[in-house]
Amino acid sequence: VLLTGWLASQLGWLLDASETENGL
């Protein structure tokens, strides 16, 4: 999850929803 957070923060991604069946 921290690796995901790093990618999201560095690339300007915004979390759409909490977890889905296949991930985020």
PDBML (XML) file of the C-alpha atoms, coordinates in Angstrom:
<?xml version="1.0" encoding="UTF-8" ?>
<PDBx:datablock datablockName="MODEL"
   xmlns:PDBx="http://pdbml.pdb.org/schema/pdbx-v50.xsd"
   xmlns:xsi="http://www.w3.org/2001/XMLSchema-instance"
   xsi:schemaLocation="http://pdbml.pdb.org/schema/pdbx-v50.xsd pdbx-v50.xsd">
   <PDBx:atom_siteCategory>
      <PDBx:atom_site id="1">
         <PDBx:B_iso_or_equiv>0.00</PDBx:B_iso_or_equiv>
         <PDBx:Cartn_x>0.000</PDBx:Cartn_x>
         <PDBx:Cartn_y>0.000</PDBx:Cartn_y>
         <PDBx:Cartn_z>0.000</PDBx:Cartn_z>
         <PDBx:auth_asym_id>A</PDBx:auth_asym_id>
         <PDBx:auth_atom_id>CA</PDBx:auth_atom_id>
         <PDBx:auth_comp_id>VAL</PDBx:auth_comp_id>
         <PDBx:auth_seq_id>1</PDBx:auth_seq_id>
         <PDBx:group_PDB>ATOM</PDBx:group_PDB>
         <PDBx:label_alt_id xsi:nil="true" />
         <PDBx:label_asym_id>A</PDBx:label_asym_id>
         <PDBx:label_atom_id>CA</PDBx:label_atom_id>
         <PDBx:label_comp_id>VAL</PDBx:label_comp_id>
         <PDBx:label_entity_id>1</PDBx:label_entity_id>
         <PDBx:label_seq_id>1</PDBx:label_seq_id>
         <PDBx:occupancy>1.00</PDBx:occupancy>
         <PDBx:pdbx_PDB_model_num>1</PDBx:pdbx_PDB_model_num>
         <PDBx:type_symbol>C</PDBx:type_symbol>
      </PDBx:atom_site>
      <PDBx:atom_site id="2">
         <PDBx:B_iso_or_equiv>0.00</PDBx:B_iso_or_equiv>
         <PDBx:Cartn_x>2.890</PDBx:Cartn_x>
         <PDBx:Cartn_y>2.396</PDBx:Cartn_y>
         <PDBx:Cartn_z>0.744</PDBx:Cartn_z>
         <PDBx:auth_asym_id>A</PDBx:auth_asym_id>
         <PDBx:auth_atom_id>CA</PDBx:auth_atom_id>
         <PDBx:auth_comp_id>LEU</PDBx:auth_comp_id>
         <PDBx:auth_seq_id>2</PDBx:auth_seq_id>
         <PDBx:group_PDB>ATOM</PDBx:group_PDB>
         <PDBx:label_alt_id xsi:nil="true" />
         <PDBx:label_asym_id>A</PDBx:label_asym_id>
         <PDBx:label_atom_id>CA</PDBx:label_atom_id>
         <PDBx:label_comp_id>LEU</PDBx:label_comp_id>
         <PDBx:label_entity_id>1</PDBx:label_entity_id>
         <PDBx:label_seq_id>2</PDBx:label_seq_id>
         <PDBx:occupancy>1.00</PDBx:occupancy>
         <PDBx:pdbx_PDB_model_num>1</PDBx:pdbx_PDB_model_num>
         <PDBx:type_symbol>C</PDBx:type_symbol>
      </PDBx:atom_site>
      <PDBx:atom_site id="3">
         <PDBx:B_iso_or_equiv>0.00</PDBx:B_iso_or_equiv>
         <PDBx:Cartn_x>4.407</PDBx:Cartn_x>
         <PDBx:Cartn_y>1.637</PDBx:Cartn_y>
         <PDBx:Cartn_z>-2.667</PDBx:Cartn_z>
         <PDBx:auth_asym_id>A</PDBx:auth_asym_id>
         <PDBx:auth_atom_id>CA</PDBx:auth_atom_id>
         <PDBx:auth_comp_id>LEU</PDBx:auth_comp_id>
         <PDBx:auth_seq_id>3</PDBx:auth_seq_id>
         <PDBx:group_PDB>ATOM</PDBx:group_PDB>
         <PDBx:label_alt_id xsi:nil="true" />
         <PDBx:label_asym_id>A</PDBx:label_asym_id>
         <PDBx:label_atom_id>CA</PDBx:label_atom_id>
         <PDBx:label_comp_id>LEU</PDBx:label_comp_id>
         <PDBx:label_entity_id>1</PDBx:label_entity_id>
         <PDBx:label_seq_id>3</PDBx:label_seq_id>
         <PDBx:occupancy>1.00</PDBx:occupancy>
         <PDBx:pdbx_PDB_model_num>1</PDBx:pdbx_PDB_model_num>
         <PDBx:type_symbol>C</PDBx:type_symbol>
      </PDBx:atom_site>
      <PDBx:atom_site id="4">
         <PDBx:B_iso_or_equiv>0.00</PDBx:B_iso_or_equiv>
         <PDBx:Cartn_x>1.000</PDBx:Cartn_x>
         <PDBx:Cartn_y>2.397</PDBx:Cartn_y>
         <PDBx:Cartn_z>-4.201</PDBx:Cartn_z>
         <PDBx:auth_asym_id>A</PDBx:auth_asym_id>
         <PDBx:auth_atom_id>CA</PDBx:auth_atom_id>
         <PDBx:auth_comp_id>THR</PDBx:auth_comp_id>
         <PDBx:auth_seq_id>4</PDBx:auth_seq_id>
         <PDBx:group_PDB>ATOM</PDBx:group_PDB>
         <PDBx:label_alt_id xsi:nil="true" />
         <PDBx:label_asym_id>A</PDBx:label_asym_id>
         <PDBx:label_atom_id>CA</PDBx:label_atom_id>
         <PDBx:label_comp_id>THR</PDBx:label_comp_id>
         <PDBx:label_entity_id>1</PDBx:label_entity_id>
         <PDBx:label_seq_id>4</PDBx:label_seq_id>
         <PDBx:occupancy>1.00</PDBx:occupancy>
         <PDBx:pdbx_PDB_model_num>1</PDBx:pdbx_PDB_model_num>
         <PDBx:type_symbol>C</PDBx:type_symbol>
      </PDBx:atom_site>
      <PDBx:atom_site id="5">
         <PDBx:B_iso_or_equiv>0.00</PDBx:B_iso_or_equiv>
         <PDBx:Cartn_x>0.839</PDBx:Cartn_x>
         <PDBx:Cartn_y>5.634</PDBx:Cartn_y>
         <PDBx:Cartn_z>-2.184</PDBx:Cartn_z>
         <PDBx:auth_asym_id>A</PDBx:auth_asym_id>
         <PDBx:auth_atom_id>CA</PDBx:auth_atom_id>
         <PDBx:auth_comp_id>GLY</PDBx:auth_comp_id>
         <PDBx:auth_seq_id>5</PDBx:auth_seq_id>
         <PDBx:group_PDB>ATOM</PDBx:group_PDB>
         <PDBx:label_alt_id xsi:nil="true" />
         <PDBx:label_asym_id>A</PDBx:label_asym_id>
         <PDBx:label_atom_id>CA</PDBx:label_atom_id>
         <PDBx:label_comp_id>GLY</PDBx:label_comp_id>
         <PDBx:label_entity_id>1</PDBx:label_entity_id>
         <PDBx:label_seq_id>5</PDBx:label_seq_id>
         <PDBx:occupancy>1.00</PDBx:occupancy>
         <PDBx:pdbx_PDB_model_num>1</PDBx:pdbx_PDB_model_num>
         <PDBx:type_symbol>C</PDBx:type_symbol>
      </PDBx:atom_site>
      <PDBx:atom_site id="6">
         <PDBx:B_iso_or_equiv>0.00</PDBx:B_iso_or_equiv>
         <PDBx:Cartn_x>4.278</PDBx:Cartn_x>
         <PDBx:Cartn_y>6.644</PDBx:Cartn_y>
         <PDBx:Cartn_z>-3.455</PDBx:Cartn_z>
         <PDBx:auth_asym_id>A</PDBx:auth_asym_id>
         <PDBx:auth_atom_id>CA</PDBx:auth_atom_id>
         <PDBx:auth_comp_id>TRP</PDBx:auth_comp_id>
         <PDBx:auth_seq_id>6</PDBx:auth_seq_id>
         <PDBx:group_PDB>ATOM</PDBx:group_PDB>
         <PDBx:label_alt_id xsi:nil="true" />
         <PDBx:label_asym_id>A</PDBx:label_asym_id>
         <PDBx:label_atom_id>CA</PDBx:label_atom_id>
         <PDBx:label_comp_id>TRP</PDBx:label_comp_id>
         <PDBx:label_entity_id>1</PDBx:label_entity_id>
         <PDBx:label_seq_id>6</PDBx:label_seq_id>
         <PDBx:occupancy>1.00</PDBx:occupancy>
         <PDBx:pdbx_PDB_model_num>1</PDBx:pdbx_PDB_model_num>
         <PDBx:type_symbol>C</PDBx:type_symbol>
      </PDBx:atom_site>
      <PDBx:atom_site id="7">
         <PDBx:B_iso_or_equiv>0.00</PDBx:B_iso_or_equiv>
         <PDBx:Cartn_x>3.244</PDBx:Cartn_x>
         <PDBx:Cartn_y>6.102</PDBx:Cartn_y>
         <PDBx:Cartn_z>-7.087</PDBx:Cartn_z>
         <PDBx:auth_asym_id>A</PDBx:auth_asym_id>
         <PDBx:auth_atom_id>CA</PDBx:auth_atom_id>
         <PDBx:auth_comp_id>LEU</PDBx:auth_comp_id>
         <PDBx:auth_seq_id>7</PDBx:auth_seq_id>
         <PDBx:group_PDB>ATOM</PDBx:group_PDB>
         <PDBx:label_alt_id xsi:nil="true" />
         <PDBx:label_asym_id>A</PDBx:label_asym_id>
         <PDBx:label_atom_id>CA</PDBx:label_atom_id>
         <PDBx:label_comp_id>LEU</PDBx:label_comp_id>
         <PDBx:label_entity_id>1</PDBx:label_entity_id>
         <PDBx:label_seq_id>7</PDBx:label_seq_id>
         <PDBx:occupancy>1.00</PDBx:occupancy>
         <PDBx:pdbx_PDB_model_num>1</PDBx:pdbx_PDB_model_num>
         <PDBx:type_symbol>C</PDBx:type_symbol>
      </PDBx:atom_site>
      <PDBx:atom_site id="8">
         <PDBx:B_iso_or_equiv>0.00</PDBx:B_iso_or_equiv>
         <PDBx:Cartn_x>-0.035</PDBx:Cartn_x>
         <PDBx:Cartn_y>7.953</PDBx:Cartn_y>
         <PDBx:Cartn_z>-6.542</PDBx:Cartn_z>
         <PDBx:auth_asym_id>A</PDBx:auth_asym_id>
         <PDBx:auth_atom_id>CA</PDBx:auth_atom_id>
         <PDBx:auth_comp_id>ALA</PDBx:auth_comp_id>
         <PDBx:auth_seq_id>8</PDBx:auth_seq_id>
         <PDBx:group_PDB>ATOM</PDBx:group_PDB>
         <PDBx:label_alt_id xsi:nil="true" />
         <PDBx:label_asym_id>A</PDBx:label_asym_id>
         <PDBx:label_atom_id>CA</PDBx:label_atom_id>
         <PDBx:label_comp_id>ALA</PDBx:label_comp_id>
         <PDBx:label_entity_id>1</PDBx:label_entity_id>
         <PDBx:label_seq_id>8</PDBx:label_seq_id>
         <PDBx:occupancy>1.00</PDBx:occupancy>
         <PDBx:pdbx_PDB_model_num>1</PDBx:pdbx_PDB_model_num>
         <PDBx:type_symbol>C</PDBx:type_symbol>
      </PDBx:atom_site>
      <PDBx:atom_site id="9">
         <PDBx:B_iso_or_equiv>0.00</PDBx:B_iso_or_equiv>
         <PDBx:Cartn_x>1.539</PDBx:Cartn_x>
         <PDBx:Cartn_y>10.922</PDBx:Cartn_y>
         <PDBx:Cartn_z>-4.785</PDBx:Cartn_z>
         <PDBx:auth_asym_id>A</PDBx:auth_asym_id>
         <PDBx:auth_atom_id>CA</PDBx:auth_atom_id>
         <PDBx:auth_comp_id>SER</PDBx:auth_comp_id>
         <PDBx:auth_seq_id>9</PDBx:auth_seq_id>
         <PDBx:group_PDB>ATOM</PDBx:group_PDB>
         <PDBx:label_alt_id xsi:nil="true" />
         <PDBx:label_asym_id>A</PDBx:label_asym_id>
         <PDBx:label_atom_id>CA</PDBx:label_atom_id>
         <PDBx:label_comp_id>SER</PDBx:label_comp_id>
         <PDBx:label_entity_id>1</PDBx:label_entity_id>
         <PDBx:label_seq_id>9</PDBx:label_seq_id>
         <PDBx:occupancy>1.00</PDBx:occupancy>
         <PDBx:pdbx_PDB_model_num>1</PDBx:pdbx_PDB_model_num>
         <PDBx:type_symbol>C</PDBx:type_symbol>
      </PDBx:atom_site>
      <PDBx:atom_site id="10">
         <PDBx:B_iso_or_equiv>0.00</PDBx:B_iso_or_equiv>
         <PDBx:Cartn_x>4.400</PDBx:Cartn_x>
         <PDBx:Cartn_y>11.287</PDBx:Cartn_y>
         <PDBx:Cartn_z>-7.258</PDBx:Cartn_z>
         <PDBx:auth_asym_id>A</PDBx:auth_asym_id>
         <PDBx:auth_atom_id>CA</PDBx:auth_atom_id>
         <PDBx:auth_comp_id>GLN</PDBx:auth_comp_id>
         <PDBx:auth_seq_id>10</PDBx:auth_seq_id>
         <PDBx:group_PDB>ATOM</PDBx:group_PDB>
         <PDBx:label_alt_id xsi:nil="true" />
         <PDBx:label_asym_id>A</PDBx:label_asym_id>
         <PDBx:label_atom_id>CA</PDBx:label_atom_id>
         <PDBx:label_comp_id>GLN</PDBx:label_comp_id>
         <PDBx:label_entity_id>1</PDBx:label_entity_id>
         <PDBx:label_seq_id>10</PDBx:label_seq_id>
         <PDBx:occupancy>1.00</PDBx:occupancy>
         <PDBx:pdbx_PDB_model_num>1</PDBx:pdbx_PDB_model_num>
         <PDBx:type_symbol>C</PDBx:type_symbol>
      </PDBx:atom_site>
      <PDBx:atom_site id="11">
         <PDBx:B_iso_or_equiv>0.00</PDBx:B_iso_or_equiv>
         <PDBx:Cartn_x>2.140</PDBx:Cartn_x>
         <PDBx:Cartn_y>10.994</PDBx:Cartn_y>
         <PDBx:Cartn_z>-10.314</PDBx:Cartn_z>
         <PDBx:auth_asym_id>A</PDBx:auth_asym_id>
         <PDBx:auth_atom_id>CA</PDBx:auth_atom_id>
         <PDBx:auth_comp_id>LEU</PDBx:auth_comp_id>
         <PDBx:auth_seq_id>11</PDBx:auth_seq_id>
         <PDBx:group_PDB>ATOM</PDBx:group_PDB>
         <PDBx:label_alt_id xsi:nil="true" />
         <PDBx:label_asym_id>A</PDBx:label_asym_id>
         <PDBx:label_atom_id>CA</PDBx:label_atom_id>
         <PDBx:label_comp_id>LEU</PDBx:label_comp_id>
         <PDBx:label_entity_id>1</PDBx:label_entity_id>
         <PDBx:label_seq_id>11</PDBx:label_seq_id>
         <PDBx:occupancy>1.00</PDBx:occupancy>
         <PDBx:pdbx_PDB_model_num>1</PDBx:pdbx_PDB_model_num>
         <PDBx:type_symbol>C</PDBx:type_symbol>
      </PDBx:atom_site>
      <PDBx:atom_site id="12">
         <PDBx:B_iso_or_equiv>0.00</PDBx:B_iso_or_equiv>
         <PDBx:Cartn_x>-0.799</PDBx:Cartn_x>
         <PDBx:Cartn_y>13.027</PDBx:Cartn_y>
         <PDBx:Cartn_z>-9.010</PDBx:Cartn_z>
         <PDBx:auth_asym_id>A</PDBx:auth_asym_id>
         <PDBx:auth_atom_id>CA</PDBx:auth_atom_id>
         <PDBx:auth_comp_id>GLY</PDBx:auth_comp_id>
         <PDBx:auth_seq_id>12</PDBx:auth_seq_id>
         <PDBx:group_PDB>ATOM</PDBx:group_PDB>
         <PDBx:label_alt_id xsi:nil="true" />
         <PDBx:label_asym_id>A</PDBx:label_asym_id>
         <PDBx:label_atom_id>CA</PDBx:label_atom_id>
         <PDBx:label_comp_id>GLY</PDBx:label_comp_id>
         <PDBx:label_entity_id>1</PDBx:label_entity_id>
         <PDBx:label_seq_id>12</PDBx:label_seq_id>
         <PDBx:occupancy>1.00</PDBx:occupancy>
         <PDBx:pdbx_PDB_model_num>1</PDBx:pdbx_PDB_model_num>
         <PDBx:type_symbol>C</PDBx:type_symbol>
      </PDBx:atom_site>
      <PDBx:atom_site id="13">
         <PDBx:B_iso_or_equiv>0.00</PDBx:B_iso_or_equiv>
         <PDBx:Cartn_x>-3.290</PDBx:Cartn_x>
         <PDBx:Cartn_y>10.161</PDBx:Cartn_y>
         <PDBx:Cartn_z>-8.890</PDBx:Cartn_z>
         <PDBx:auth_asym_id>A</PDBx:auth_asym_id>
         <PDBx:auth_atom_id>CA</PDBx:auth_atom_id>
         <PDBx:auth_comp_id>TRP</PDBx:auth_comp_id>
         <PDBx:auth_seq_id>13</PDBx:auth_seq_id>
         <PDBx:group_PDB>ATOM</PDBx:group_PDB>
         <PDBx:label_alt_id xsi:nil="true" />
         <PDBx:label_asym_id>A</PDBx:label_asym_id>
         <PDBx:label_atom_id>CA</PDBx:label_atom_id>
         <PDBx:label_comp_id>TRP</PDBx:label_comp_id>
         <PDBx:label_entity_id>1</PDBx:label_entity_id>
         <PDBx:label_seq_id>13</PDBx:label_seq_id>
         <PDBx:occupancy>1.00</PDBx:occupancy>
         <PDBx:pdbx_PDB_model_num>1</PDBx:pdbx_PDB_model_num>
         <PDBx:type_symbol>C</PDBx:type_symbol>
      </PDBx:atom_site>
      <PDBx:atom_site id="14">
         <PDBx:B_iso_or_equiv>0.00</PDBx:B_iso_or_equiv>
         <PDBx:Cartn_x>-6.377</PDBx:Cartn_x>
         <PDBx:Cartn_y>10.516</PDBx:Cartn_y>
         <PDBx:Cartn_z>-6.710</PDBx:Cartn_z>
         <PDBx:auth_asym_id>A</PDBx:auth_asym_id>
         <PDBx:auth_atom_id>CA</PDBx:auth_atom_id>
         <PDBx:auth_comp_id>LEU</PDBx:auth_comp_id>
         <PDBx:auth_seq_id>14</PDBx:auth_seq_id>
         <PDBx:group_PDB>ATOM</PDBx:group_PDB>
         <PDBx:label_alt_id xsi:nil="true" />
         <PDBx:label_asym_id>A</PDBx:label_asym_id>
         <PDBx:label_atom_id>CA</PDBx:label_atom_id>
         <PDBx:label_comp_id>LEU</PDBx:label_comp_id>
         <PDBx:label_entity_id>1</PDBx:label_entity_id>
         <PDBx:label_seq_id>14</PDBx:label_seq_id>
         <PDBx:occupancy>1.00</PDBx:occupancy>
         <PDBx:pdbx_PDB_model_num>1</PDBx:pdbx_PDB_model_num>
         <PDBx:type_symbol>C</PDBx:type_symbol>
      </PDBx:atom_site>
      <PDBx:atom_site id="15">
         <PDBx:B_iso_or_equiv>0.00</PDBx:B_iso_or_equiv>
         <PDBx:Cartn_x>-7.996</PDBx:Cartn_x>
         <PDBx:Cartn_y>7.525</PDBx:Cartn_y>
         <PDBx:Cartn_z>-5.002</PDBx:Cartn_z>
         <PDBx:auth_asym_id>A</PDBx:auth_asym_id>
         <PDBx:auth_atom_id>CA</PDBx:auth_atom_id>
         <PDBx:auth_comp_id>LEU</PDBx:auth_comp_id>
         <PDBx:auth_seq_id>15</PDBx:auth_seq_id>
         <PDBx:group_PDB>ATOM</PDBx:group_PDB>
         <PDBx:label_alt_id xsi:nil="true" />
         <PDBx:label_asym_id>A</PDBx:label_asym_id>
         <PDBx:label_atom_id>CA</PDBx:label_atom_id>
         <PDBx:label_comp_id>LEU</PDBx:label_comp_id>
         <PDBx:label_entity_id>1</PDBx:label_entity_id>
         <PDBx:label_seq_id>15</PDBx:label_seq_id>
         <PDBx:occupancy>1.00</PDBx:occupancy>
         <PDBx:pdbx_PDB_model_num>1</PDBx:pdbx_PDB_model_num>
         <PDBx:type_symbol>C</PDBx:type_symbol>
      </PDBx:atom_site>
      <PDBx:atom_site id="16">
         <PDBx:B_iso_or_equiv>0.00</PDBx:B_iso_or_equiv>
         <PDBx:Cartn_x>-11.363</PDBx:Cartn_x>
         <PDBx:Cartn_y>6.870</PDBx:Cartn_y>
         <PDBx:Cartn_z>-6.709</PDBx:Cartn_z>
         <PDBx:auth_asym_id>A</PDBx:auth_asym_id>
         <PDBx:auth_atom_id>CA</PDBx:auth_atom_id>
         <PDBx:auth_comp_id>ASP</PDBx:auth_comp_id>
         <PDBx:auth_seq_id>16</PDBx:auth_seq_id>
         <PDBx:group_PDB>ATOM</PDBx:group_PDB>
         <PDBx:label_alt_id xsi:nil="true" />
         <PDBx:label_asym_id>A</PDBx:label_asym_id>
         <PDBx:label_atom_id>CA</PDBx:label_atom_id>
         <PDBx:label_comp_id>ASP</PDBx:label_comp_id>
         <PDBx:label_entity_id>1</PDBx:label_entity_id>
         <PDBx:label_seq_id>16</PDBx:label_seq_id>
         <PDBx:occupancy>1.00</PDBx:occupancy>
         <PDBx:pdbx_PDB_model_num>1</PDBx:pdbx_PDB_model_num>
         <PDBx:type_symbol>C</PDBx:type_symbol>
      </PDBx:atom_site>
      <PDBx:atom_site id="17">
         <PDBx:B_iso_or_equiv>0.00</PDBx:B_iso_or_equiv>
         <PDBx:Cartn_x>-12.840</PDBx:Cartn_x>
         <PDBx:Cartn_y>4.635</PDBx:Cartn_y>
         <PDBx:Cartn_z>-4.070</PDBx:Cartn_z>
         <PDBx:auth_asym_id>A</PDBx:auth_asym_id>
         <PDBx:auth_atom_id>CA</PDBx:auth_atom_id>
         <PDBx:auth_comp_id>ALA</PDBx:auth_comp_id>
         <PDBx:auth_seq_id>17</PDBx:auth_seq_id>
         <PDBx:group_PDB>ATOM</PDBx:group_PDB>
         <PDBx:label_alt_id xsi:nil="true" />
         <PDBx:label_asym_id>A</PDBx:label_asym_id>
         <PDBx:label_atom_id>CA</PDBx:label_atom_id>
         <PDBx:label_comp_id>ALA</PDBx:label_comp_id>
         <PDBx:label_entity_id>1</PDBx:label_entity_id>
         <PDBx:label_seq_id>17</PDBx:label_seq_id>
         <PDBx:occupancy>1.00</PDBx:occupancy>
         <PDBx:pdbx_PDB_model_num>1</PDBx:pdbx_PDB_model_num>
         <PDBx:type_symbol>C</PDBx:type_symbol>
      </PDBx:atom_site>
      <PDBx:atom_site id="18">
         <PDBx:B_iso_or_equiv>0.00</PDBx:B_iso_or_equiv>
         <PDBx:Cartn_x>-11.656</PDBx:Cartn_x>
         <PDBx:Cartn_y>2.388</PDBx:Cartn_y>
         <PDBx:Cartn_z>-1.356</PDBx:Cartn_z>
         <PDBx:auth_asym_id>A</PDBx:auth_asym_id>
         <PDBx:auth_atom_id>CA</PDBx:auth_atom_id>
         <PDBx:auth_comp_id>SER</PDBx:auth_comp_id>
         <PDBx:auth_seq_id>18</PDBx:auth_seq_id>
         <PDBx:group_PDB>ATOM</PDBx:group_PDB>
         <PDBx:label_alt_id xsi:nil="true" />
         <PDBx:label_asym_id>A</PDBx:label_asym_id>
         <PDBx:label_atom_id>CA</PDBx:label_atom_id>
         <PDBx:label_comp_id>SER</PDBx:label_comp_id>
         <PDBx:label_entity_id>1</PDBx:label_entity_id>
         <PDBx:label_seq_id>18</PDBx:label_seq_id>
         <PDBx:occupancy>1.00</PDBx:occupancy>
         <PDBx:pdbx_PDB_model_num>1</PDBx:pdbx_PDB_model_num>
         <PDBx:type_symbol>C</PDBx:type_symbol>
      </PDBx:atom_site>
      <PDBx:atom_site id="19">
         <PDBx:B_iso_or_equiv>0.00</PDBx:B_iso_or_equiv>
         <PDBx:Cartn_x>-10.668</PDBx:Cartn_x>
         <PDBx:Cartn_y>-1.124</PDBx:Cartn_y>
         <PDBx:Cartn_z>-2.272</PDBx:Cartn_z>
         <PDBx:auth_asym_id>A</PDBx:auth_asym_id>
         <PDBx:auth_atom_id>CA</PDBx:auth_atom_id>
         <PDBx:auth_comp_id>GLU</PDBx:auth_comp_id>
         <PDBx:auth_seq_id>19</PDBx:auth_seq_id>
         <PDBx:group_PDB>ATOM</PDBx:group_PDB>
         <PDBx:label_alt_id xsi:nil="true" />
         <PDBx:label_asym_id>A</PDBx:label_asym_id>
         <PDBx:label_atom_id>CA</PDBx:label_atom_id>
         <PDBx:label_comp_id>GLU</PDBx:label_comp_id>
         <PDBx:label_entity_id>1</PDBx:label_entity_id>
         <PDBx:label_seq_id>19</PDBx:label_seq_id>
         <PDBx:occupancy>1.00</PDBx:occupancy>
         <PDBx:pdbx_PDB_model_num>1</PDBx:pdbx_PDB_model_num>
         <PDBx:type_symbol>C</PDBx:type_symbol>
      </PDBx:atom_site>
      <PDBx:atom_site id="20">
         <PDBx:B_iso_or_equiv>0.00</PDBx:B_iso_or_equiv>
         <PDBx:Cartn_x>-12.359</PDBx:Cartn_x>
         <PDBx:Cartn_y>-2.983</PDBx:Cartn_y>
         <PDBx:Cartn_z>-5.106</PDBx:Cartn_z>
         <PDBx:auth_asym_id>A</PDBx:auth_asym_id>
         <PDBx:auth_atom_id>CA</PDBx:auth_atom_id>
         <PDBx:auth_comp_id>THR</PDBx:auth_comp_id>
         <PDBx:auth_seq_id>20</PDBx:auth_seq_id>
         <PDBx:group_PDB>ATOM</PDBx:group_PDB>
         <PDBx:label_alt_id xsi:nil="true" />
         <PDBx:label_asym_id>A</PDBx:label_asym_id>
         <PDBx:label_atom_id>CA</PDBx:label_atom_id>
         <PDBx:label_comp_id>THR</PDBx:label_comp_id>
         <PDBx:label_entity_id>1</PDBx:label_entity_id>
         <PDBx:label_seq_id>20</PDBx:label_seq_id>
         <PDBx:occupancy>1.00</PDBx:occupancy>
         <PDBx:pdbx_PDB_model_num>1</PDBx:pdbx_PDB_model_num>
         <PDBx:type_symbol>C</PDBx:type_symbol>
      </PDBx:atom_site>
      <PDBx:atom_site id="21">
         <PDBx:B_iso_or_equiv>0.00</PDBx:B_iso_or_equiv>
         <PDBx:Cartn_x>-12.423</PDBx:Cartn_x>
         <PDBx:Cartn_y>-6.733</PDBx:Cartn_y>
         <PDBx:Cartn_z>-5.605</PDBx:Cartn_z>
         <PDBx:auth_asym_id>A</PDBx:auth_asym_id>
         <PDBx:auth_atom_id>CA</PDBx:auth_atom_id>
         <PDBx:auth_comp_id>GLU</PDBx:auth_comp_id>
         <PDBx:auth_seq_id>21</PDBx:auth_seq_id>
         <PDBx:group_PDB>ATOM</PDBx:group_PDB>
         <PDBx:label_alt_id xsi:nil="true" />
         <PDBx:label_asym_id>A</PDBx:label_asym_id>
         <PDBx:label_atom_id>CA</PDBx:label_atom_id>
         <PDBx:label_comp_id>GLU</PDBx:label_comp_id>
         <PDBx:label_entity_id>1</PDBx:label_entity_id>
         <PDBx:label_seq_id>21</PDBx:label_seq_id>
         <PDBx:occupancy>1.00</PDBx:occupancy>
         <PDBx:pdbx_PDB_model_num>1</PDBx:pdbx_PDB_model_num>
         <PDBx:type_symbol>C</PDBx:type_symbol>
      </PDBx:atom_site>
      <PDBx:atom_site id="22">
         <PDBx:B_iso_or_equiv>0.00</PDBx:B_iso_or_equiv>
         <PDBx:Cartn_x>-9.268</PDBx:Cartn_x>
         <PDBx:Cartn_y>-6.544</PDBx:Cartn_y>
         <PDBx:Cartn_z>-7.742</PDBx:Cartn_z>
         <PDBx:auth_asym_id>A</PDBx:auth_asym_id>
         <PDBx:auth_atom_id>CA</PDBx:auth_atom_id>
         <PDBx:auth_comp_id>ASN</PDBx:auth_comp_id>
         <PDBx:auth_seq_id>22</PDBx:auth_seq_id>
         <PDBx:group_PDB>ATOM</PDBx:group_PDB>
         <PDBx:label_alt_id xsi:nil="true" />
         <PDBx:label_asym_id>A</PDBx:label_asym_id>
         <PDBx:label_atom_id>CA</PDBx:label_atom_id>
         <PDBx:label_comp_id>ASN</PDBx:label_comp_id>
         <PDBx:label_entity_id>1</PDBx:label_entity_id>
         <PDBx:label_seq_id>22</PDBx:label_seq_id>
         <PDBx:occupancy>1.00</PDBx:occupancy>
         <PDBx:pdbx_PDB_model_num>1</PDBx:pdbx_PDB_model_num>
         <PDBx:type_symbol>C</PDBx:type_symbol>
      </PDBx:atom_site>
      <PDBx:atom_site id="23">
         <PDBx:B_iso_or_equiv>0.00</PDBx:B_iso_or_equiv>
         <PDBx:Cartn_x>-7.366</PDBx:Cartn_x>
         <PDBx:Cartn_y>-3.885</PDBx:Cartn_y>
         <PDBx:Cartn_z>-5.808</PDBx:Cartn_z>
         <PDBx:auth_asym_id>A</PDBx:auth_asym_id>
         <PDBx:auth_atom_id>CA</PDBx:auth_atom_id>
         <PDBx:auth_comp_id>GLY</PDBx:auth_comp_id>
         <PDBx:auth_seq_id>23</PDBx:auth_seq_id>
         <PDBx:group_PDB>ATOM</PDBx:group_PDB>
         <PDBx:label_alt_id xsi:nil="true" />
         <PDBx:label_asym_id>A</PDBx:label_asym_id>
         <PDBx:label_atom_id>CA</PDBx:label_atom_id>
         <PDBx:label_comp_id>GLY</PDBx:label_comp_id>
         <PDBx:label_entity_id>1</PDBx:label_entity_id>
         <PDBx:label_seq_id>23</PDBx:label_seq_id>
         <PDBx:occupancy>1.00</PDBx:occupancy>
         <PDBx:pdbx_PDB_model_num>1</PDBx:pdbx_PDB_model_num>
         <PDBx:type_symbol>C</PDBx:type_symbol>
      </PDBx:atom_site>
      <PDBx:atom_site id="24">
         <PDBx:B_iso_or_equiv>0.00</PDBx:B_iso_or_equiv>
         <PDBx:Cartn_x>-7.509</PDBx:Cartn_x>
         <PDBx:Cartn_y>-0.099</PDBx:Cartn_y>
         <PDBx:Cartn_z>-5.971</PDBx:Cartn_z>
         <PDBx:auth_asym_id>A</PDBx:auth_asym_id>
         <PDBx:auth_atom_id>CA</PDBx:auth_atom_id>
         <PDBx:auth_comp_id>LEU</PDBx:auth_comp_id>
         <PDBx:auth_seq_id>24</PDBx:auth_seq_id>
         <PDBx:group_PDB>ATOM</PDBx:group_PDB>
         <PDBx:label_alt_id xsi:nil="true" />
         <PDBx:label_asym_id>A</PDBx:label_asym_id>
         <PDBx:label_atom_id>CA</PDBx:label_atom_id>
         <PDBx:label_comp_id>LEU</PDBx:label_comp_id>
         <PDBx:label_entity_id>1</PDBx:label_entity_id>
         <PDBx:label_seq_id>24</PDBx:label_seq_id>
         <PDBx:occupancy>1.00</PDBx:occupancy>
         <PDBx:pdbx_PDB_model_num>1</PDBx:pdbx_PDB_model_num>
         <PDBx:type_symbol>C</PDBx:type_symbol>
      </PDBx:atom_site>
   </PDBx:atom_siteCategory>
</PDBx:datablock>
